[in-house]
Amino acid sequence: MTMKFRYKGRSFGSAQSLSAALKRDMAQTVDRALRSAASASGAHIRKTGQGYEIEGTPDQLARFNRRIR
């Protein structure tokens, strides 16, 4: 017996491929939210091997923290 999963208009035949699509979507959502909050607050964001680095003045970082919550 096969099961088909549908997510955002796509059909998935295996849970593994569905899981990969969900993880990719979540990562894109987080990335978009971080970049949006950084640009709105005037801070600069950079993606590194360890994660994200946000640079700016203390005022900009405080605005970033309020926006990301």
N, C-alpha and C. Protein backbone atom coordinates (compact mmCIF):
# COMPACT_ATOMS: atom_id res chain seq x y z
N MET A 1 0.85 -1.18 0.00
CA MET A 1 0.00 0.00 0.00
C MET A 1 0.90 1.25 0.00
N THR A 2 0.64 2.12 -0.92
CA THR A 2 1.43 3.35 -0.98
C THR A 2 0.58 4.51 -0.49
N MET A 3 1.28 5.46 0.08
CA MET A 3 0.60 6.66 0.56
C MET A 3 1.19 7.85 -0.18
N LYS A 4 0.34 8.78 -0.51
CA LYS A 4 0.78 10.02 -1.16
C LYS A 4 0.50 11.17 -0.21
N PHE A 5 1.50 12.02 -0.07
CA PHE A 5 1.36 13.22 0.76
C PHE A 5 1.34 14.41 -0.17
N ARG A 6 0.52 15.40 0.17
CA ARG A 6 0.50 16.64 -0.61
C ARG A 6 0.88 17.79 0.32
N TYR A 7 1.79 18.62 -0.19
CA TYR A 7 2.23 19.78 0.57
C TYR A 7 2.51 20.89 -0.41
N LYS A 8 1.79 21.99 -0.27
CA LYS A 8 1.94 23.16 -1.14
C LYS A 8 1.86 22.79 -2.62
N GLY A 9 0.91 21.96 -2.96
CA GLY A 9 0.68 21.62 -4.35
C GLY A 9 1.57 20.53 -4.91
N ARG A 10 2.49 20.03 -4.14
CA ARG A 10 3.37 18.96 -4.60
C ARG A 10 2.97 17.64 -3.97
N SER A 11 3.14 16.55 -4.70
CA SER A 11 2.87 15.22 -4.18
C SER A 11 4.17 14.56 -3.78
N PHE A 12 4.16 13.90 -2.65
CA PHE A 12 5.33 13.20 -2.16
C PHE A 12 4.98 11.74 -1.93
N GLY A 13 5.82 10.87 -2.42
CA GLY A 13 5.59 9.44 -2.27
C GLY A 13 6.26 8.86 -1.04
N SER A 14 7.22 9.58 -0.49
CA SER A 14 7.91 9.07 0.70
C SER A 14 7.95 10.15 1.78
N ALA A 15 7.99 9.68 3.00
CA ALA A 15 8.07 10.61 4.12
C ALA A 15 9.41 11.33 4.14
N GLN A 16 10.44 10.69 3.63
CA GLN A 16 11.77 11.29 3.61
C GLN A 16 11.80 12.53 2.71
N SER A 17 11.20 12.44 1.53
CA SER A 17 11.19 13.60 0.64
C SER A 17 10.28 14.70 1.17
N LEU A 18 9.19 14.33 1.81
CA LEU A 18 8.32 15.32 2.45
C LEU A 18 9.05 16.03 3.58
N SER A 19 9.80 15.28 4.36
CA SER A 19 10.58 15.86 5.45
C SER A 19 11.62 16.84 4.93
N ALA A 20 12.28 16.50 3.84
CA ALA A 20 13.28 17.40 3.25
C ALA A 20 12.62 18.70 2.78
N ALA A 21 11.44 18.60 2.18
CA ALA A 21 10.73 19.79 1.71
C ALA A 21 10.30 20.67 2.89
N LEU A 22 9.83 20.05 3.97
CA LEU A 22 9.42 20.81 5.15
C LEU A 22 10.62 21.52 5.79
N LYS A 23 11.75 20.82 5.90
CA LYS A 23 12.94 21.43 6.48
C LYS A 23 13.42 22.59 5.64
N ARG A 24 13.40 22.43 4.32
CA ARG A 24 13.83 23.50 3.42
C ARG A 24 12.91 24.71 3.56
N ASP A 25 11.60 24.48 3.65
CA ASP A 25 10.64 25.57 3.81
C ASP A 25 10.85 26.31 5.13
N MET A 26 11.07 25.56 6.20
CA MET A 26 11.29 26.19 7.51
C MET A 26 12.57 27.02 7.50
N ALA A 27 13.63 26.51 6.90
CA ALA A 27 14.89 27.25 6.83
C ALA A 27 14.72 28.53 6.03
N GLN A 28 13.98 28.47 4.93
CA GLN A 28 13.74 29.66 4.12
C GLN A 28 12.90 30.68 4.88
N THR A 29 11.93 30.22 5.65
CA THR A 29 11.08 31.12 6.43
C THR A 29 11.89 31.84 7.50
N VAL A 30 12.75 31.09 8.20
CA VAL A 30 13.59 31.70 9.23
C VAL A 30 14.56 32.70 8.60
N ASP A 31 15.18 32.31 7.49
CA ASP A 31 16.13 33.19 6.80
C ASP A 31 15.44 34.48 6.36
N ARG A 32 14.26 34.36 5.80
CA ARG A 32 13.51 35.54 5.33
C ARG A 32 13.14 36.45 6.50
N ALA A 33 12.73 35.86 7.63
CA ALA A 33 12.35 36.66 8.80
C ALA A 33 13.56 37.40 9.37
N LEU A 34 14.71 36.72 9.44
CA LEU A 34 15.91 37.36 9.96
C LEU A 34 16.35 38.50 9.05
N ARG A 35 16.38 38.26 7.76
CA ARG A 35 16.82 39.30 6.82
C ARG A 35 15.86 40.48 6.81
N SER A 36 14.58 40.22 6.93
CA SER A 36 13.58 41.28 6.96
C SER A 36 13.75 42.14 8.22
N ALA A 37 13.93 41.49 9.36
CA ALA A 37 14.10 42.24 10.61
C ALA A 37 15.40 43.04 10.59
N ALA A 38 16.45 42.48 10.01
CA ALA A 38 17.73 43.20 9.95
C ALA A 38 17.64 44.41 9.04
N SER A 39 17.04 44.26 7.89
CA SER A 39 16.96 45.40 6.97
C SER A 39 16.04 46.48 7.50
N ALA A 40 14.98 46.11 8.19
CA ALA A 40 14.06 47.10 8.74
C ALA A 40 14.70 47.88 9.89
N SER A 41 15.63 47.24 10.60
CA SER A 41 16.26 47.92 11.73
C SER A 41 17.55 48.64 11.34
N GLY A 42 18.03 48.40 10.13
CA GLY A 42 19.25 49.05 9.68
C GLY A 42 20.51 48.26 9.98
N ALA A 43 20.38 47.08 10.56
CA ALA A 43 21.54 46.25 10.87
C ALA A 43 21.92 45.44 9.63
N HIS A 44 23.13 44.89 9.65
CA HIS A 44 23.62 44.06 8.56
C HIS A 44 23.66 42.62 9.02
N ILE A 45 23.23 41.71 8.15
CA ILE A 45 23.21 40.30 8.50
C ILE A 45 24.08 39.54 7.52
N ARG A 46 24.75 38.51 8.04
CA ARG A 46 25.63 37.70 7.20
C ARG A 46 25.50 36.25 7.66
N LYS A 47 25.36 35.34 6.70
CA LYS A 47 25.26 33.92 7.02
C LYS A 47 26.66 33.32 7.00
N THR A 48 27.03 32.63 8.08
CA THR A 48 28.34 32.02 8.19
C THR A 48 28.18 30.52 8.41
N GLY A 49 29.28 29.84 8.56
CA GLY A 49 29.24 28.41 8.82
C GLY A 49 28.64 28.06 10.16
N GLN A 50 28.75 28.95 11.13
CA GLN A 50 28.18 28.70 12.46
C GLN A 50 26.75 29.23 12.62
N GLY A 51 26.26 29.96 11.66
CA GLY A 51 24.92 30.53 11.76
C GLY A 51 24.88 31.90 11.13
N TYR A 52 24.20 32.83 11.78
CA TYR A 52 24.06 34.19 11.28
C TYR A 52 24.84 35.16 12.16
N GLU A 53 25.41 36.17 11.54
CA GLU A 53 26.06 37.25 12.28
C GLU A 53 25.32 38.54 11.95
N ILE A 54 24.94 39.26 12.99
CA ILE A 54 24.23 40.52 12.81
C ILE A 54 25.13 41.62 13.35
N GLU A 55 25.36 42.65 12.54
CA GLU A 55 26.23 43.75 12.93
C GLU A 55 25.45 45.05 12.86
N GLY A 56 25.75 45.93 13.79
CA GLY A 56 25.12 47.24 13.79
C GLY A 56 25.41 47.96 15.10
N THR A 57 24.88 49.15 15.20
CA THR A 57 25.03 49.91 16.43
C THR A 57 24.15 49.28 17.51
N PRO A 58 24.41 49.60 18.77
CA PRO A 58 23.55 49.05 19.84
C PRO A 58 22.06 49.39 19.64
N ASP A 59 21.78 50.57 19.12
CA ASP A 59 20.39 50.95 18.86
C ASP A 59 19.78 50.08 17.77
N GLN A 60 20.55 49.83 16.70
CA GLN A 60 20.06 48.98 15.62
C GLN A 60 19.83 47.55 16.10
N LEU A 61 20.74 47.04 16.94
CA LEU A 61 20.58 45.68 17.45
C LEU A 61 19.38 45.58 18.39
N ALA A 62 19.12 46.62 19.15
CA ALA A 62 17.93 46.62 20.02
C ALA A 62 16.66 46.60 19.18
N ARG A 63 16.64 47.41 18.10
CA ARG A 63 15.48 47.38 17.19
C ARG A 63 15.33 46.01 16.54
N PHE A 64 16.46 45.41 16.14
CA PHE A 64 16.41 44.07 15.55
C PHE A 64 15.81 43.07 16.53
N ASN A 65 16.24 43.11 17.78
CA ASN A 65 15.71 42.18 18.78
C ASN A 65 14.23 42.35 18.99
N ARG A 66 13.75 43.59 18.98
CA ARG A 66 12.30 43.82 19.14
C ARG A 66 11.53 43.29 17.94
N ARG A 67 12.09 43.43 16.74
CA ARG A 67 11.39 42.99 15.53
C ARG A 67 11.36 41.47 15.38
N ILE A 68 12.41 40.79 15.83
CA ILE A 68 12.50 39.35 15.59
C ILE A 68 11.65 38.56 16.58
N ARG A 69 11.24 39.13 17.67
CA ARG A 69 10.44 38.39 18.65
C ARG A 69 9.06 38.12 18.17
